[in-house]
Every structure is written in C-alpha cells, then in structure tokens.
N, C-alpha and C. Protein backbone atom coordinates (compact mmCIF):
# COMPACT_ATOMS: atom_id res chain seq x y z
N MET A 1 -32.53 -23.86 -51.20
CA MET A 1 -33.07 -24.69 -52.25
C MET A 1 -33.05 -26.15 -51.79
N LYS A 2 -34.12 -26.86 -52.06
CA LYS A 2 -34.21 -28.27 -51.71
C LYS A 2 -33.41 -29.10 -52.71
N ALA A 3 -32.83 -30.17 -52.23
CA ALA A 3 -32.00 -31.02 -53.08
C ALA A 3 -32.76 -31.52 -54.31
N VAL A 4 -34.03 -31.83 -54.16
CA VAL A 4 -34.79 -32.35 -55.30
C VAL A 4 -34.99 -31.30 -56.38
N GLN A 5 -34.77 -30.03 -56.06
CA GLN A 5 -34.93 -28.95 -57.03
C GLN A 5 -33.61 -28.59 -57.72
N MET A 6 -32.51 -29.18 -57.28
CA MET A 6 -31.21 -28.83 -57.84
C MET A 6 -31.02 -29.46 -59.21
N SER A 7 -30.35 -28.72 -60.09
CA SER A 7 -30.02 -29.25 -61.41
C SER A 7 -28.85 -30.22 -61.28
N PHE A 8 -28.61 -30.96 -62.32
CA PHE A 8 -27.48 -31.88 -62.34
C PHE A 8 -26.18 -31.13 -62.07
N GLU A 9 -25.97 -30.00 -62.73
CA GLU A 9 -24.74 -29.22 -62.56
C GLU A 9 -24.60 -28.70 -61.13
N GLU A 10 -25.71 -28.31 -60.51
CA GLU A 10 -25.65 -27.84 -59.13
C GLU A 10 -25.26 -28.96 -58.17
N VAL A 11 -25.79 -30.15 -58.40
CA VAL A 11 -25.43 -31.29 -57.57
C VAL A 11 -23.96 -31.64 -57.80
N TYR A 12 -23.55 -31.66 -59.04
CA TYR A 12 -22.17 -31.98 -59.41
C TYR A 12 -21.19 -31.02 -58.73
N ALA A 13 -21.54 -29.76 -58.68
CA ALA A 13 -20.69 -28.75 -58.07
C ALA A 13 -20.57 -28.92 -56.56
N GLN A 14 -21.52 -29.58 -55.95
CA GLN A 14 -21.51 -29.77 -54.50
C GLN A 14 -20.50 -30.82 -54.04
N ILE A 15 -19.94 -31.57 -54.97
CA ILE A 15 -18.97 -32.60 -54.60
C ILE A 15 -17.77 -31.98 -53.90
N ASP A 16 -17.26 -30.85 -54.43
CA ASP A 16 -16.13 -30.18 -53.78
C ASP A 16 -16.49 -29.73 -52.37
N GLU A 17 -17.70 -29.22 -52.19
CA GLU A 17 -18.15 -28.79 -50.87
C GLU A 17 -18.19 -29.98 -49.90
N LEU A 18 -18.68 -31.10 -50.38
CA LEU A 18 -18.74 -32.31 -49.56
C LEU A 18 -17.33 -32.72 -49.12
N VAL A 19 -16.38 -32.68 -50.04
CA VAL A 19 -15.01 -33.06 -49.71
C VAL A 19 -14.43 -32.12 -48.67
N PHE A 20 -14.54 -30.80 -48.91
CA PHE A 20 -13.90 -29.83 -48.02
C PHE A 20 -14.62 -29.64 -46.69
N ASN A 21 -15.91 -29.89 -46.64
CA ASN A 21 -16.66 -29.65 -45.40
C ASN A 21 -16.99 -30.91 -44.61
N VAL A 22 -16.92 -32.06 -45.25
CA VAL A 22 -17.29 -33.29 -44.55
C VAL A 22 -16.14 -34.29 -44.56
N VAL A 23 -15.76 -34.73 -45.74
CA VAL A 23 -14.77 -35.81 -45.85
C VAL A 23 -13.46 -35.46 -45.16
N ILE A 24 -12.98 -34.24 -45.33
CA ILE A 24 -11.70 -33.84 -44.75
C ILE A 24 -11.71 -33.92 -43.22
N ASN A 25 -12.87 -33.85 -42.62
CA ASN A 25 -12.99 -33.88 -41.16
C ASN A 25 -13.25 -35.27 -40.60
N THR A 26 -13.16 -36.28 -41.44
CA THR A 26 -13.38 -37.65 -40.97
C THR A 26 -12.04 -38.35 -40.76
N PRO A 27 -12.04 -39.41 -40.01
CA PRO A 27 -10.79 -40.17 -39.84
C PRO A 27 -10.38 -40.93 -41.12
N TYR A 28 -11.23 -40.89 -42.14
CA TYR A 28 -10.96 -41.62 -43.38
C TYR A 28 -10.35 -40.75 -44.47
N ALA A 29 -10.16 -39.48 -44.18
CA ALA A 29 -9.71 -38.54 -45.21
C ALA A 29 -8.41 -38.97 -45.87
N ASP A 30 -7.42 -39.37 -45.09
CA ASP A 30 -6.13 -39.74 -45.66
C ASP A 30 -6.24 -41.01 -46.50
N THR A 31 -6.99 -41.97 -46.02
CA THR A 31 -7.19 -43.22 -46.78
C THR A 31 -7.92 -42.94 -48.08
N LEU A 32 -8.96 -42.13 -48.02
CA LEU A 32 -9.71 -41.79 -49.24
C LEU A 32 -8.86 -40.99 -50.20
N ARG A 33 -8.04 -40.06 -49.68
CA ARG A 33 -7.14 -39.28 -50.54
C ARG A 33 -6.26 -40.23 -51.34
N GLN A 34 -5.66 -41.19 -50.65
CA GLN A 34 -4.75 -42.11 -51.32
C GLN A 34 -5.47 -42.95 -52.36
N ARG A 35 -6.69 -43.38 -52.08
CA ARG A 35 -7.45 -44.19 -53.04
C ARG A 35 -7.95 -43.37 -54.21
N TRP A 36 -8.50 -42.21 -53.93
CA TRP A 36 -9.18 -41.43 -54.95
C TRP A 36 -8.24 -40.71 -55.92
N MET A 37 -7.07 -40.31 -55.46
CA MET A 37 -6.17 -39.54 -56.32
C MET A 37 -5.87 -40.26 -57.64
N ASP A 38 -5.78 -41.58 -57.60
CA ASP A 38 -5.42 -42.35 -58.79
C ASP A 38 -6.62 -42.76 -59.63
N SER A 39 -7.81 -42.39 -59.21
CA SER A 39 -9.01 -42.81 -59.92
C SER A 39 -9.05 -42.24 -61.34
N THR A 40 -9.51 -43.06 -62.27
CA THR A 40 -9.71 -42.60 -63.64
C THR A 40 -11.08 -41.95 -63.81
N VAL A 41 -11.92 -42.05 -62.77
CA VAL A 41 -13.22 -41.37 -62.80
C VAL A 41 -12.96 -39.91 -62.44
N GLU A 42 -13.36 -39.00 -63.31
CA GLU A 42 -13.00 -37.59 -63.18
C GLU A 42 -13.28 -36.99 -61.81
N MET A 43 -14.50 -37.11 -61.32
CA MET A 43 -14.85 -36.44 -60.06
C MET A 43 -14.27 -37.18 -58.85
N THR A 44 -14.08 -38.47 -58.94
CA THR A 44 -13.43 -39.18 -57.84
C THR A 44 -11.97 -38.76 -57.75
N GLY A 45 -11.31 -38.68 -58.91
CA GLY A 45 -9.93 -38.19 -58.93
C GLY A 45 -9.83 -36.77 -58.43
N ARG A 46 -10.78 -35.94 -58.83
CA ARG A 46 -10.80 -34.55 -58.37
C ARG A 46 -10.95 -34.50 -56.84
N ALA A 47 -11.82 -35.33 -56.31
CA ALA A 47 -12.02 -35.36 -54.86
C ALA A 47 -10.72 -35.75 -54.15
N GLY A 48 -10.02 -36.73 -54.67
CA GLY A 48 -8.74 -37.14 -54.08
C GLY A 48 -7.72 -36.02 -54.10
N TRP A 49 -7.64 -35.30 -55.21
CA TRP A 49 -6.68 -34.20 -55.31
C TRP A 49 -7.11 -33.03 -54.44
N ASN A 50 -8.41 -32.83 -54.26
CA ASN A 50 -8.86 -31.79 -53.32
C ASN A 50 -8.44 -32.14 -51.90
N LEU A 51 -8.51 -33.42 -51.55
CA LEU A 51 -8.04 -33.83 -50.22
C LEU A 51 -6.53 -33.60 -50.10
N MET A 52 -5.79 -33.81 -51.18
CA MET A 52 -4.35 -33.54 -51.15
C MET A 52 -4.10 -32.05 -50.95
N ILE A 53 -4.85 -31.20 -51.64
CA ILE A 53 -4.70 -29.75 -51.48
C ILE A 53 -4.96 -29.36 -50.03
N ALA A 54 -6.00 -29.93 -49.45
CA ALA A 54 -6.32 -29.63 -48.05
C ALA A 54 -5.17 -30.06 -47.14
N SER A 55 -4.56 -31.18 -47.44
CA SER A 55 -3.42 -31.66 -46.64
C SER A 55 -2.23 -30.73 -46.79
N VAL A 56 -1.94 -30.29 -47.99
CA VAL A 56 -0.81 -29.39 -48.24
C VAL A 56 -1.03 -28.07 -47.52
N GLY A 57 -2.22 -27.52 -47.64
CA GLY A 57 -2.50 -26.21 -47.08
C GLY A 57 -2.67 -26.17 -45.58
N HIS A 58 -2.84 -27.32 -44.96
CA HIS A 58 -3.09 -27.35 -43.52
C HIS A 58 -2.15 -28.30 -42.80
N ASP A 59 -0.89 -28.26 -43.20
CA ASP A 59 0.11 -29.13 -42.56
C ASP A 59 -0.40 -30.55 -42.45
N GLY A 60 -0.76 -31.09 -43.59
CA GLY A 60 -1.33 -32.43 -43.64
C GLY A 60 -0.40 -33.51 -43.16
N PRO A 61 -0.76 -34.74 -43.41
CA PRO A 61 0.00 -35.87 -42.89
C PRO A 61 1.49 -35.78 -43.26
N ALA A 62 2.32 -36.07 -42.28
CA ALA A 62 3.76 -36.02 -42.49
C ALA A 62 4.22 -37.15 -43.41
N ASN A 63 3.33 -38.11 -43.64
CA ASN A 63 3.71 -39.25 -44.47
C ASN A 63 3.53 -38.99 -45.97
N ILE A 64 3.25 -37.76 -46.35
CA ILE A 64 3.08 -37.45 -47.77
C ILE A 64 4.45 -37.31 -48.40
N ASP A 65 4.67 -38.04 -49.47
CA ASP A 65 5.92 -37.98 -50.23
C ASP A 65 5.72 -36.95 -51.34
N TYR A 66 6.12 -35.70 -51.07
CA TYR A 66 5.89 -34.63 -52.04
C TYR A 66 6.66 -34.84 -53.33
N ASP A 67 7.80 -35.51 -53.27
CA ASP A 67 8.52 -35.83 -54.51
C ASP A 67 7.65 -36.72 -55.40
N ALA A 68 7.01 -37.72 -54.80
CA ALA A 68 6.14 -38.62 -55.56
C ALA A 68 4.90 -37.88 -56.07
N VAL A 69 4.34 -37.00 -55.26
CA VAL A 69 3.17 -36.22 -55.67
C VAL A 69 3.53 -35.35 -56.88
N LEU A 70 4.67 -34.68 -56.81
CA LEU A 70 5.08 -33.83 -57.94
C LEU A 70 5.37 -34.67 -59.18
N GLN A 71 5.94 -35.84 -59.01
CA GLN A 71 6.18 -36.73 -60.14
C GLN A 71 4.86 -37.14 -60.78
N GLN A 72 3.87 -37.45 -59.94
CA GLN A 72 2.55 -37.84 -60.46
C GLN A 72 1.92 -36.67 -61.22
N ILE A 73 2.02 -35.48 -60.68
CA ILE A 73 1.47 -34.30 -61.36
C ILE A 73 2.15 -34.13 -62.71
N GLU A 74 3.46 -34.21 -62.71
CA GLU A 74 4.21 -34.01 -63.95
C GLU A 74 3.87 -35.05 -65.00
N THR A 75 3.65 -36.28 -64.57
CA THR A 75 3.37 -37.38 -65.48
C THR A 75 1.93 -37.39 -65.98
N GLU A 76 0.97 -37.07 -65.10
CA GLU A 76 -0.44 -37.29 -65.42
C GLU A 76 -1.27 -36.06 -65.73
N MET A 77 -0.85 -34.90 -65.24
CA MET A 77 -1.74 -33.74 -65.31
C MET A 77 -2.11 -33.34 -66.74
N GLU A 78 -1.18 -33.38 -67.63
CA GLU A 78 -1.44 -32.93 -69.00
C GLU A 78 -2.58 -33.70 -69.65
N TYR A 79 -2.73 -34.97 -69.30
CA TYR A 79 -3.73 -35.83 -69.94
C TYR A 79 -4.94 -36.14 -69.05
N ALA A 80 -4.96 -35.56 -67.86
CA ALA A 80 -6.08 -35.80 -66.94
C ALA A 80 -7.34 -35.10 -67.46
N PRO A 81 -8.52 -35.60 -67.07
CA PRO A 81 -9.75 -34.89 -67.42
C PRO A 81 -9.73 -33.48 -66.82
N LYS A 82 -10.39 -32.56 -67.47
CA LYS A 82 -10.30 -31.13 -67.14
C LYS A 82 -10.53 -30.83 -65.65
N ARG A 83 -11.58 -31.35 -65.06
CA ARG A 83 -11.88 -31.02 -63.66
C ARG A 83 -10.83 -31.60 -62.71
N LYS A 84 -10.29 -32.74 -63.03
CA LYS A 84 -9.21 -33.31 -62.23
C LYS A 84 -7.92 -32.52 -62.48
N GLN A 85 -7.69 -32.15 -63.72
CA GLN A 85 -6.50 -31.39 -64.09
C GLN A 85 -6.44 -30.05 -63.34
N ASP A 86 -7.57 -29.40 -63.21
CA ASP A 86 -7.62 -28.11 -62.51
C ASP A 86 -7.13 -28.23 -61.07
N VAL A 87 -7.54 -29.26 -60.36
CA VAL A 87 -7.13 -29.38 -58.96
C VAL A 87 -5.71 -29.93 -58.84
N MET A 88 -5.26 -30.71 -59.81
CA MET A 88 -3.86 -31.14 -59.81
C MET A 88 -2.97 -29.90 -59.97
N ASN A 89 -3.37 -28.99 -60.84
CA ASN A 89 -2.62 -27.75 -61.02
C ASN A 89 -2.64 -26.92 -59.74
N GLN A 90 -3.78 -26.84 -59.10
CA GLN A 90 -3.87 -26.10 -57.84
C GLN A 90 -2.98 -26.73 -56.78
N CYS A 91 -2.89 -28.05 -56.75
CA CYS A 91 -2.02 -28.74 -55.81
C CYS A 91 -0.56 -28.39 -56.10
N LEU A 92 -0.18 -28.37 -57.36
CA LEU A 92 1.18 -27.97 -57.76
C LEU A 92 1.50 -26.58 -57.22
N VAL A 93 0.56 -25.67 -57.38
CA VAL A 93 0.74 -24.30 -56.91
C VAL A 93 0.84 -24.26 -55.38
N GLU A 94 -0.04 -24.97 -54.69
CA GLU A 94 -0.02 -24.97 -53.22
C GLU A 94 1.31 -25.50 -52.67
N ILE A 95 1.82 -26.56 -53.27
CA ILE A 95 3.11 -27.09 -52.84
C ILE A 95 4.20 -26.04 -53.07
N GLY A 96 4.17 -25.38 -54.23
CA GLY A 96 5.16 -24.36 -54.54
C GLY A 96 5.10 -23.17 -53.60
N ILE A 97 3.92 -22.84 -53.13
CA ILE A 97 3.75 -21.71 -52.21
C ILE A 97 4.13 -22.11 -50.78
N GLN A 98 3.66 -23.26 -50.34
CA GLN A 98 3.82 -23.66 -48.94
C GLN A 98 5.22 -24.20 -48.60
N TYR A 99 5.90 -24.75 -49.58
CA TYR A 99 7.18 -25.41 -49.31
C TYR A 99 8.29 -24.83 -50.18
N PRO A 100 9.05 -23.89 -49.64
CA PRO A 100 10.13 -23.25 -50.41
C PRO A 100 11.13 -24.23 -51.02
N ASP A 101 11.36 -25.36 -50.37
CA ASP A 101 12.30 -26.34 -50.91
C ASP A 101 11.81 -26.96 -52.22
N TYR A 102 10.52 -26.92 -52.46
CA TYR A 102 9.95 -27.49 -53.69
C TYR A 102 9.57 -26.41 -54.71
N ARG A 103 9.72 -25.16 -54.34
CA ARG A 103 9.22 -24.06 -55.16
C ARG A 103 9.78 -24.07 -56.59
N GLN A 104 11.07 -24.15 -56.74
CA GLN A 104 11.66 -24.11 -58.08
C GLN A 104 11.23 -25.31 -58.91
N ARG A 105 11.10 -26.46 -58.27
CA ARG A 105 10.63 -27.64 -59.00
C ARG A 105 9.20 -27.44 -59.48
N CYS A 106 8.35 -26.88 -58.63
CA CYS A 106 6.96 -26.64 -59.02
C CYS A 106 6.88 -25.66 -60.18
N ILE A 107 7.68 -24.63 -60.13
CA ILE A 107 7.71 -23.64 -61.22
C ILE A 107 8.19 -24.32 -62.50
N ALA A 108 9.24 -25.14 -62.41
CA ALA A 108 9.77 -25.83 -63.59
C ALA A 108 8.73 -26.78 -64.18
N ILE A 109 8.00 -27.50 -63.33
CA ILE A 109 6.94 -28.40 -63.82
C ILE A 109 5.87 -27.58 -64.54
N GLY A 110 5.46 -26.48 -63.92
CA GLY A 110 4.47 -25.61 -64.55
C GLY A 110 4.94 -25.09 -65.90
N GLU A 111 6.20 -24.71 -65.98
CA GLU A 111 6.74 -24.22 -67.25
C GLU A 111 6.75 -25.32 -68.31
N ARG A 112 7.13 -26.54 -67.93
CA ARG A 112 7.15 -27.65 -68.88
C ARG A 112 5.74 -28.00 -69.37
N LEU A 113 4.79 -27.99 -68.45
CA LEU A 113 3.41 -28.35 -68.83
C LEU A 113 2.71 -27.22 -69.57
N GLY A 114 3.13 -25.99 -69.31
CA GLY A 114 2.54 -24.84 -69.99
C GLY A 114 1.18 -24.47 -69.46
N ARG A 115 0.52 -23.62 -70.19
CA ARG A 115 -0.83 -23.17 -69.81
C ARG A 115 -1.83 -24.28 -70.07
N LEU A 116 -2.71 -24.48 -69.11
CA LEU A 116 -3.71 -25.52 -69.25
C LEU A 116 -4.89 -25.07 -70.09
N ASP A 117 -5.11 -23.78 -70.13
CA ASP A 117 -6.21 -23.25 -70.94
C ASP A 117 -5.81 -21.87 -71.44
N ASN A 118 -6.54 -21.40 -72.40
CA ASN A 118 -6.27 -20.08 -72.96
C ASN A 118 -7.33 -19.08 -72.56
N THR A 119 -7.97 -19.33 -71.44
CA THR A 119 -9.00 -18.43 -70.95
C THR A 119 -8.38 -17.09 -70.59
N PRO A 120 -8.94 -15.99 -71.09
CA PRO A 120 -8.41 -14.68 -70.71
C PRO A 120 -8.55 -14.46 -69.20
N VAL A 121 -7.56 -13.84 -68.61
CA VAL A 121 -7.57 -13.59 -67.17
C VAL A 121 -8.12 -12.19 -66.93
N PRO A 122 -9.25 -12.08 -66.23
CA PRO A 122 -9.82 -10.77 -65.95
C PRO A 122 -8.86 -9.91 -65.11
N LYS A 123 -8.95 -8.62 -65.30
CA LYS A 123 -8.11 -7.70 -64.55
C LYS A 123 -8.31 -7.93 -63.05
N GLY A 124 -7.19 -7.99 -62.32
CA GLY A 124 -7.23 -8.20 -60.89
C GLY A 124 -7.24 -9.66 -60.47
N CYS A 125 -7.32 -10.56 -61.44
CA CYS A 125 -7.32 -11.99 -61.14
C CYS A 125 -5.95 -12.58 -61.46
N VAL A 126 -5.72 -13.77 -60.99
CA VAL A 126 -4.45 -14.45 -61.20
C VAL A 126 -4.63 -15.56 -62.23
N SER A 127 -3.66 -15.69 -63.10
CA SER A 127 -3.66 -16.74 -64.11
C SER A 127 -3.57 -18.11 -63.46
N SER A 128 -4.11 -19.13 -64.13
CA SER A 128 -3.99 -20.50 -63.63
C SER A 128 -2.66 -21.13 -64.04
N TYR A 129 -1.86 -20.39 -64.81
CA TYR A 129 -0.53 -20.85 -65.19
C TYR A 129 0.32 -20.89 -63.93
N ALA A 130 0.75 -22.08 -63.52
CA ALA A 130 1.36 -22.29 -62.21
C ALA A 130 2.50 -21.32 -61.88
N PRO A 131 3.46 -21.08 -62.77
CA PRO A 131 4.54 -20.15 -62.40
C PRO A 131 4.03 -18.73 -62.09
N GLU A 132 3.07 -18.26 -62.84
CA GLU A 132 2.50 -16.93 -62.59
C GLU A 132 1.68 -16.92 -61.30
N TRP A 133 0.93 -17.97 -61.07
CA TRP A 133 0.09 -18.07 -59.88
C TRP A 133 0.96 -18.10 -58.62
N ILE A 134 2.00 -18.92 -58.63
CA ILE A 134 2.91 -18.99 -57.48
C ILE A 134 3.54 -17.62 -57.23
N ALA A 135 4.04 -16.99 -58.29
CA ALA A 135 4.69 -15.68 -58.14
C ALA A 135 3.71 -14.64 -57.60
N ALA A 136 2.49 -14.64 -58.10
CA ALA A 136 1.50 -13.66 -57.66
C ALA A 136 1.17 -13.82 -56.18
N VAL A 137 0.99 -15.04 -55.72
CA VAL A 137 0.66 -15.27 -54.31
C VAL A 137 1.84 -14.88 -53.42
N LEU A 138 3.03 -15.23 -53.83
CA LEU A 138 4.21 -14.88 -53.03
C LEU A 138 4.41 -13.36 -52.98
N GLN A 139 4.16 -12.68 -54.10
CA GLN A 139 4.27 -11.21 -54.11
C GLN A 139 3.23 -10.60 -53.18
N ARG A 140 2.02 -11.14 -53.22
CA ARG A 140 0.95 -10.64 -52.36
C ARG A 140 1.32 -10.84 -50.88
N LYS A 141 1.87 -12.00 -50.56
CA LYS A 141 2.30 -12.26 -49.17
C LYS A 141 3.41 -11.31 -48.77
N GLU A 142 4.36 -11.08 -49.67
CA GLU A 142 5.47 -10.18 -49.36
C GLU A 142 4.98 -8.76 -49.14
N ARG A 143 4.06 -8.30 -49.98
CA ARG A 143 3.50 -6.95 -49.80
C ARG A 143 2.76 -6.83 -48.48
N SER A 144 2.01 -7.85 -48.12
CA SER A 144 1.25 -7.77 -46.87
C SER A 144 2.19 -7.80 -45.66
N MET A 145 3.32 -8.46 -45.78
CA MET A 145 4.28 -8.50 -44.67
C MET A 145 5.05 -7.19 -44.54
N SER A 146 5.21 -6.47 -45.65
CA SER A 146 5.96 -5.21 -45.59
C SER A 146 5.06 -4.00 -45.40
N ALA A 147 3.76 -4.24 -45.34
CA ALA A 147 2.81 -3.13 -45.13
C ALA A 147 2.96 -2.59 -43.72
N PRO A 148 2.80 -1.27 -43.55
CA PRO A 148 2.90 -0.69 -42.21
C PRO A 148 1.91 -1.36 -41.26
N GLY A 149 2.40 -1.66 -40.08
CA GLY A 149 1.54 -2.24 -39.05
C GLY A 149 1.45 -3.76 -39.11
N SER A 150 2.07 -4.37 -40.13
CA SER A 150 2.02 -5.82 -40.18
C SER A 150 3.15 -6.40 -39.34
N SER A 151 2.90 -7.58 -38.83
CA SER A 151 3.92 -8.23 -38.01
C SER A 151 4.44 -9.44 -38.76
N PRO A 152 5.68 -9.81 -38.53
CA PRO A 152 6.23 -10.99 -39.23
C PRO A 152 5.48 -12.25 -38.83
N ALA A 153 5.43 -13.17 -39.78
CA ALA A 153 4.76 -14.46 -39.51
C ALA A 153 5.60 -15.27 -38.56
N MET A 154 4.93 -16.02 -37.74
CA MET A 154 5.63 -16.88 -36.80
C MET A 154 5.88 -18.22 -37.43
C-alpha cells in the first residue's frame, strides 16, 4: 500500500515500527530514549518507552538506572495516556522477566497499580496485568528448558 493511501490510524500505528526498525539502530537511540520518555505527548512518550523496552530486552546501555525507571513507572504509569501506559507496563514486565534482582519489585509495583484495563483475555493469551504476565512468561521459559532435548541457557 502506498503511503498516500494509508488511513490516519494506519500511519499512527507505524510509529512503533519506525522506532523498532529505524530509530533503535541509530547512534541517537539512547539520547532520544532519554528525551522522549518524559514527553507529555502520548506518541512521543510511547516511542521513548519503546526504546527503553528495546534496551531492556537487548542488554541495553549499562548506564540505565533501573531503580529510577521503576520509580518513574510506579509514579507515572497510572495517569499516563493509554498508549504510553501500555508500553510503560510492558517495560515493567520486561524488567521483571530479564532481571531477577528486580522481579519481586516489578511484581509488587504491578500489584499496587492493579489491572490497567478490564479487557477479557482470550484463551491461550496472557493478561496485561504485570504479575500474571511475568509469571506466565517465566513458566513458559521454565517449561521450554525442561522439555526433552532442550539445552540449558548459557
């Protein structure tokens, strides 16, 4: 489809693709992450938090203060605009999954903030409620590691 034929919603949805496929691969990704995360503009803030998720999931910059990130999530997520809130929650989950030292804190933050939405969870899908999401991913990883023929992670 040509860009001129895309609807507003289709263009809007491409922002995440731009962040994950272009911005993250530039030398400016860390600087933009730091600037955009605090933005009050919904999609700019979402882009910043998507860059943070990419950093968490891919052994991002060692200069990330995860205590400060979790404090920001705990303080701001409940009142953030919905699209920014969704990725802040995903970042909370990613930190809880990737870093065992922060896991209990992430679960506790998720419990304090509660469910972000009351959307029914289809069978076979995982809830966006952070404690359930973290537990489900860890259980899935544990099952895959104990499956016959699997080798331990290095």
